[in-house]
């Protein structure tokens, strides 16, 4: 069963990137709730993803390079780390871990391995993230959905840890 742990971690990384990623509960709602009603519809989410992709495509060539992807994520990560009450050492560890994971995520999302992430490739992770957060599958993500998702993800991590022992 030792081989299941890396697979579980990889799947969790794809569906629930931590800290700066907007796929985590309250950050997801904060980042995609365009009308500020405390919930995210699929239309709000899709519009936000298009905007984020265009912003990430710094040179406006229609695709995102690994450098562009990492740079955009790094900017969001730095904002969150600046607001964090963690020690500088813990912030440095988190920064290193997150940036390493961002390179991995780019490699996974660039499905045709041409080093050019298209909007369609980018949207695959968004669709997974929305589906993961929409706990009741009604097309709207609420705080209750986010809490249920967080509990489910915690249980999966704990099960993976237990299986690895």
C-alpha atoms as a PDB file:
ATOM      1  CA  UNK A   1       0.000   0.000   0.000  1.00  0.00           C
ATOM      2  CA  UNK A   2       3.016   2.328   0.131  1.00  0.00           C
ATOM      3  CA  UNK A   3       2.561   3.228  -3.550  1.00  0.00           C
ATOM      4  CA  UNK A   4      -0.907   4.671  -2.857  1.00  0.00           C
ATOM      5  CA  UNK A   5       0.473   7.550  -0.783  1.00  0.00           C
ATOM      6  CA  UNK A   6       2.309   9.330  -3.632  1.00  0.00           C
ATOM      7  CA  UNK A   7      -0.716   8.850  -5.898  1.00  0.00           C
ATOM      8  CA  UNK A   8      -3.045  10.262  -3.245  1.00  0.00           C
ATOM      9  CA  UNK A   9      -0.777  13.246  -2.661  1.00  0.00           C
ATOM     10  CA  UNK A  10      -0.574  13.917  -6.406  1.00  0.00           C
ATOM     11  CA  UNK A  11      -4.353  13.808  -6.723  1.00  0.00           C
ATOM     12  CA  UNK A  12      -4.784  16.105  -3.737  1.00  0.00           C
ATOM     13  CA  UNK A  13      -2.253  18.520  -5.179  1.00  0.00           C
ATOM     14  CA  UNK A  14      -4.216  18.689  -8.409  1.00  0.00           C
ATOM     15  CA  UNK A  15      -7.559  19.228  -6.740  1.00  0.00           C
ATOM     16  CA  UNK A  16      -6.597  21.321  -3.728  1.00  0.00           C
ATOM     17  CA  UNK A  17      -3.444  23.375  -4.105  1.00  0.00           C
ATOM     18  CA  UNK A  18      -2.635  25.093  -0.836  1.00  0.00           C
ATOM     19  CA  UNK A  19      -2.154  28.628   0.420  1.00  0.00           C
ATOM     20  CA  UNK A  20      -2.048  30.913  -2.607  1.00  0.00           C
ATOM     21  CA  UNK A  21      -4.150  28.767  -4.836  1.00  0.00           C
ATOM     22  CA  UNK A  22      -7.735  29.948  -5.086  1.00  0.00           C
ATOM     23  CA  UNK A  23      -9.004  26.401  -4.967  1.00  0.00           C
ATOM     24  CA  UNK A  24      -8.978  26.276  -1.189  1.00  0.00           C
ATOM     25  CA  UNK A  25     -12.322  27.041   0.479  1.00  0.00           C
ATOM     26  CA  UNK A  26     -12.489  30.656   1.624  1.00  0.00           C
ATOM     27  CA  UNK A  27      -9.786  31.733  -0.835  1.00  0.00           C
ATOM     28  CA  UNK A  28     -11.807  30.180  -3.641  1.00  0.00           C
ATOM     29  CA  UNK A  29     -14.895  32.171  -2.685  1.00  0.00           C
ATOM     30  CA  UNK A  30     -12.885  35.342  -2.080  1.00  0.00           C
ATOM     31  CA  UNK A  31     -11.166  35.154  -5.455  1.00  0.00           C
ATOM     32  CA  UNK A  32     -14.140  34.219  -7.633  1.00  0.00           C
ATOM     33  CA  UNK A  33     -17.179  35.824  -5.935  1.00  0.00           C
ATOM     34  CA  UNK A  34     -17.539  38.686  -8.431  1.00  0.00           C
ATOM     35  CA  UNK A  35     -20.835  40.026  -7.072  1.00  0.00           C
ATOM     36  CA  UNK A  36     -19.738  39.621  -3.416  1.00  0.00           C
ATOM     37  CA  UNK A  37     -22.792  37.650  -2.357  1.00  0.00           C
ATOM     38  CA  UNK A  38     -20.761  35.041  -0.468  1.00  0.00           C
ATOM     39  CA  UNK A  39     -21.013  32.345  -3.102  1.00  0.00           C
ATOM     40  CA  UNK A  40     -19.535  31.478  -6.480  1.00  0.00           C
ATOM     41  CA  UNK A  41     -21.630  30.442  -9.458  1.00  0.00           C
ATOM     42  CA  UNK A  42     -20.100  28.524 -12.326  1.00  0.00           C
ATOM     43  CA  UNK A  43     -20.478  31.634 -14.531  1.00  0.00           C
ATOM     44  CA  UNK A  44     -18.546  33.781 -12.021  1.00  0.00           C
ATOM     45  CA  UNK A  45     -15.873  31.117 -11.774  1.00  0.00           C
ATOM     46  CA  UNK A  46     -15.486  30.714 -15.531  1.00  0.00           C
ATOM     47  CA  UNK A  47     -15.253  34.493 -16.030  1.00  0.00           C
ATOM     48  CA  UNK A  48     -12.621  34.703 -13.295  1.00  0.00           C
ATOM     49  CA  UNK A  49     -10.592  31.897 -14.845  1.00  0.00           C
ATOM     50  CA  UNK A  50     -10.602  33.618 -18.244  1.00  0.00           C
ATOM     51  CA  UNK A  51      -9.451  36.857 -16.616  1.00  0.00           C
ATOM     52  CA  UNK A  52      -6.730  35.089 -14.638  1.00  0.00           C
ATOM     53  CA  UNK A  53      -5.482  33.217 -17.730  1.00  0.00           C
ATOM     54  CA  UNK A  54      -5.260  36.461 -19.703  1.00  0.00           C
ATOM     55  CA  UNK A  55      -3.436  38.163 -16.831  1.00  0.00           C
ATOM     56  CA  UNK A  56      -1.027  35.221 -16.528  1.00  0.00           C
ATOM     57  CA  UNK A  57      -0.268  35.382 -20.272  1.00  0.00           C
ATOM     58  CA  UNK A  58       2.021  38.363 -19.711  1.00  0.00           C
ATOM     59  CA  UNK A  59       3.238  38.677 -23.308  1.00  0.00           C
ATOM     60  CA  UNK A  60      -0.293  38.147 -24.739  1.00  0.00           C
ATOM     61  CA  UNK A  61       0.717  35.396 -27.163  1.00  0.00           C
ATOM     62  CA  UNK A  62      -2.351  33.270 -26.361  1.00  0.00           C
ATOM     63  CA  UNK A  63      -0.616  30.684 -24.190  1.00  0.00           C
ATOM     64  CA  UNK A  64       1.124  30.582 -20.820  1.00  0.00           C
ATOM     65  CA  UNK A  65       4.729  29.541 -20.410  1.00  0.00           C
ATOM     66  CA  UNK A  66       6.016  27.901 -17.255  1.00  0.00           C
ATOM     67  CA  UNK A  67       7.806  31.131 -16.342  1.00  0.00           C
ATOM     68  CA  UNK A  68       4.576  33.144 -16.726  1.00  0.00           C
ATOM     69  CA  UNK A  69       2.634  30.581 -14.697  1.00  0.00           C
ATOM     70  CA  UNK A  70       5.159  30.576 -11.869  1.00  0.00           C
ATOM     71  CA  UNK A  71       5.466  34.376 -11.878  1.00  0.00           C
ATOM     72  CA  UNK A  72       1.692  34.896 -11.562  1.00  0.00           C
ATOM     73  CA  UNK A  73       1.410  32.315  -8.798  1.00  0.00           C
ATOM     74  CA  UNK A  74       4.436  33.736  -6.996  1.00  0.00           C
ATOM     75  CA  UNK A  75       2.838  37.173  -6.872  1.00  0.00           C
ATOM     76  CA  UNK A  76      -0.298  35.774  -5.208  1.00  0.00           C
ATOM     77  CA  UNK A  77       1.782  33.658  -2.864  1.00  0.00           C
ATOM     78  CA  UNK A  78       3.875  36.645  -1.771  1.00  0.00           C
ATOM     79  CA  UNK A  79       0.724  38.609  -0.928  1.00  0.00           C
ATOM     80  CA  UNK A  80      -0.538  35.798   1.251  1.00  0.00           C
ATOM     81  CA  UNK A  81       2.818  35.257   2.915  1.00  0.00           C
ATOM     82  CA  UNK A  82       3.086  38.971   3.658  1.00  0.00           C
ATOM     83  CA  UNK A  83      -0.271  38.819   5.439  1.00  0.00           C
ATOM     84  CA  UNK A  84       0.655  35.646   7.313  1.00  0.00           C
ATOM     85  CA  UNK A  85       1.750  35.659  10.953  1.00  0.00           C
ATOM     86  CA  UNK A  86       4.175  32.795  10.321  1.00  0.00           C
ATOM     87  CA  UNK A  87       7.836  33.223  11.166  1.00  0.00           C
ATOM     88  CA  UNK A  88      10.181  34.241   8.358  1.00  0.00           C
ATOM     89  CA  UNK A  89      11.663  30.756   8.410  1.00  0.00           C
ATOM     90  CA  UNK A  90       8.250  29.140   7.997  1.00  0.00           C
ATOM     91  CA  UNK A  91       7.403  31.595   5.224  1.00  0.00           C
ATOM     92  CA  UNK A  92      10.626  30.676   3.411  1.00  0.00           C
ATOM     93  CA  UNK A  93       9.824  26.960   3.730  1.00  0.00           C
ATOM     94  CA  UNK A  94       6.282  27.501   2.462  1.00  0.00           C
ATOM     95  CA  UNK A  95       7.516  29.653  -0.431  1.00  0.00           C
ATOM     96  CA  UNK A  96      10.001  26.982  -1.504  1.00  0.00           C
ATOM     97  CA  UNK A  97       7.421  24.194  -1.226  1.00  0.00           C
ATOM     98  CA  UNK A  98       4.746  26.131  -3.087  1.00  0.00           C
ATOM     99  CA  UNK A  99       7.014  27.206  -5.943  1.00  0.00           C
ATOM    100  CA  UNK A 100       8.304  23.660  -6.366  1.00  0.00           C
ATOM    101  CA  UNK A 101       4.676  22.464  -6.506  1.00  0.00           C
ATOM    102  CA  UNK A 102       3.826  25.195  -9.034  1.00  0.00           C
ATOM    103  CA  UNK A 103       6.438  23.805 -11.446  1.00  0.00           C
ATOM    104  CA  UNK A 104       4.968  20.324 -10.972  1.00  0.00           C
ATOM    105  CA  UNK A 105       1.431  21.639 -11.522  1.00  0.00           C
ATOM    106  CA  UNK A 106       2.481  23.330 -14.766  1.00  0.00           C
ATOM    107  CA  UNK A 107       3.921  20.040 -15.996  1.00  0.00           C
ATOM    108  CA  UNK A 108       0.681  18.231 -15.208  1.00  0.00           C
ATOM    109  CA  UNK A 109      -1.545  20.896 -16.780  1.00  0.00           C
ATOM    110  CA  UNK A 110       0.535  21.102 -19.961  1.00  0.00           C
ATOM    111  CA  UNK A 111      -0.960  17.829 -21.160  1.00  0.00           C
ATOM    112  CA  UNK A 112       0.603  17.840 -24.622  1.00  0.00           C
ATOM    113  CA  UNK A 113       4.019  18.667 -23.104  1.00  0.00           C
ATOM    114  CA  UNK A 114       4.762  21.463 -25.569  1.00  0.00           C
ATOM    115  CA  UNK A 115       5.675  23.943 -22.779  1.00  0.00           C
ATOM    116  CA  UNK A 116       2.709  26.086 -23.830  1.00  0.00           C
ATOM    117  CA  UNK A 117      -0.327  25.912 -21.570  1.00  0.00           C
ATOM    118  CA  UNK A 118      -3.428  26.792 -23.549  1.00  0.00           C
ATOM    119  CA  UNK A 119      -6.665  28.155 -22.100  1.00  0.00           C
ATOM    120  CA  UNK A 120      -8.206  24.690 -22.633  1.00  0.00           C
ATOM    121  CA  UNK A 121      -5.404  22.995 -20.675  1.00  0.00           C
ATOM    122  CA  UNK A 122      -5.723  25.641 -17.944  1.00  0.00           C
ATOM    123  CA  UNK A 123      -9.491  25.161 -17.792  1.00  0.00           C
ATOM    124  CA  UNK A 124      -9.172  21.452 -17.005  1.00  0.00           C
ATOM    125  CA  UNK A 125      -7.783  22.200 -13.547  1.00  0.00           C
ATOM    126  CA  UNK A 126     -10.438  24.853 -13.029  1.00  0.00           C
ATOM    127  CA  UNK A 127     -13.224  22.421 -13.850  1.00  0.00           C
ATOM    128  CA  UNK A 128     -11.778  19.898 -11.402  1.00  0.00           C
ATOM    129  CA  UNK A 129     -11.428  22.556  -8.711  1.00  0.00           C
ATOM    130  CA  UNK A 130     -14.992  23.780  -9.149  1.00  0.00           C
ATOM    131  CA  UNK A 131     -16.368  20.241  -9.071  1.00  0.00           C
ATOM    132  CA  UNK A 132     -14.310  19.466  -5.969  1.00  0.00           C
ATOM    133  CA  UNK A 133     -15.560  22.552  -4.117  1.00  0.00           C
ATOM    134  CA  UNK A 134     -19.216  22.159  -5.195  1.00  0.00           C
ATOM    135  CA  UNK A 135     -20.000  19.621  -2.499  1.00  0.00           C
ATOM    136  CA  UNK A 136     -23.764  19.479  -3.136  1.00  0.00           C
ATOM    137  CA  UNK A 137     -23.275  19.579  -6.938  1.00  0.00           C
ATOM    138  CA  UNK A 138     -25.777  22.403  -7.492  1.00  0.00           C
ATOM    139  CA  UNK A 139     -23.431  24.640  -9.517  1.00  0.00           C
ATOM    140  CA  UNK A 140     -22.964  27.162  -6.694  1.00  0.00           C
ATOM    141  CA  UNK A 141     -20.139  27.101  -4.167  1.00  0.00           C
ATOM    142  CA  UNK A 142     -21.013  28.357  -0.705  1.00  0.00           C
ATOM    143  CA  UNK A 143     -19.157  28.470   2.604  1.00  0.00           C
ATOM    144  CA  UNK A 144     -20.942  25.223   3.515  1.00  0.00           C
ATOM    145  CA  UNK A 145     -19.589  23.581   0.351  1.00  0.00           C
ATOM    146  CA  UNK A 146     -16.090  24.840   1.131  1.00  0.00           C
ATOM    147  CA  UNK A 147     -16.259  23.522   4.702  1.00  0.00           C
ATOM    148  CA  UNK A 148     -17.495  20.108   3.549  1.00  0.00           C
ATOM    149  CA  UNK A 149     -14.737  19.955   0.938  1.00  0.00           C
ATOM    150  CA  UNK A 150     -12.078  20.895   3.497  1.00  0.00           C
ATOM    151  CA  UNK A 151     -13.313  18.151   5.832  1.00  0.00           C
ATOM    152  CA  UNK A 152     -13.306  15.606   3.007  1.00  0.00           C
ATOM    153  CA  UNK A 153      -9.768  16.602   1.964  1.00  0.00           C
ATOM    154  CA  UNK A 154      -8.520  16.425   5.557  1.00  0.00           C
ATOM    155  CA  UNK A 155     -10.002  12.945   5.926  1.00  0.00           C
ATOM    156  CA  UNK A 156      -8.297  11.856   2.685  1.00  0.00           C
ATOM    157  CA  UNK A 157      -4.936  13.202   3.876  1.00  0.00           C
ATOM    158  CA  UNK A 158      -5.336  11.459   7.223  1.00  0.00           C
ATOM    159  CA  UNK A 159      -6.254   8.195   5.505  1.00  0.00           C
ATOM    160  CA  UNK A 160      -3.235   8.518   3.220  1.00  0.00           C
ATOM    161  CA  UNK A 161      -0.979   9.163   6.207  1.00  0.00           C
ATOM    162  CA  UNK A 162      -2.416   6.144   7.993  1.00  0.00           C
ATOM    163  CA  UNK A 163      -1.980   3.922   4.934  1.00  0.00           C
ATOM    164  CA  UNK A 164       1.647   5.026   4.614  1.00  0.00           C
ATOM    165  CA  UNK A 165       2.530   3.886   8.123  1.00  0.00           C
END
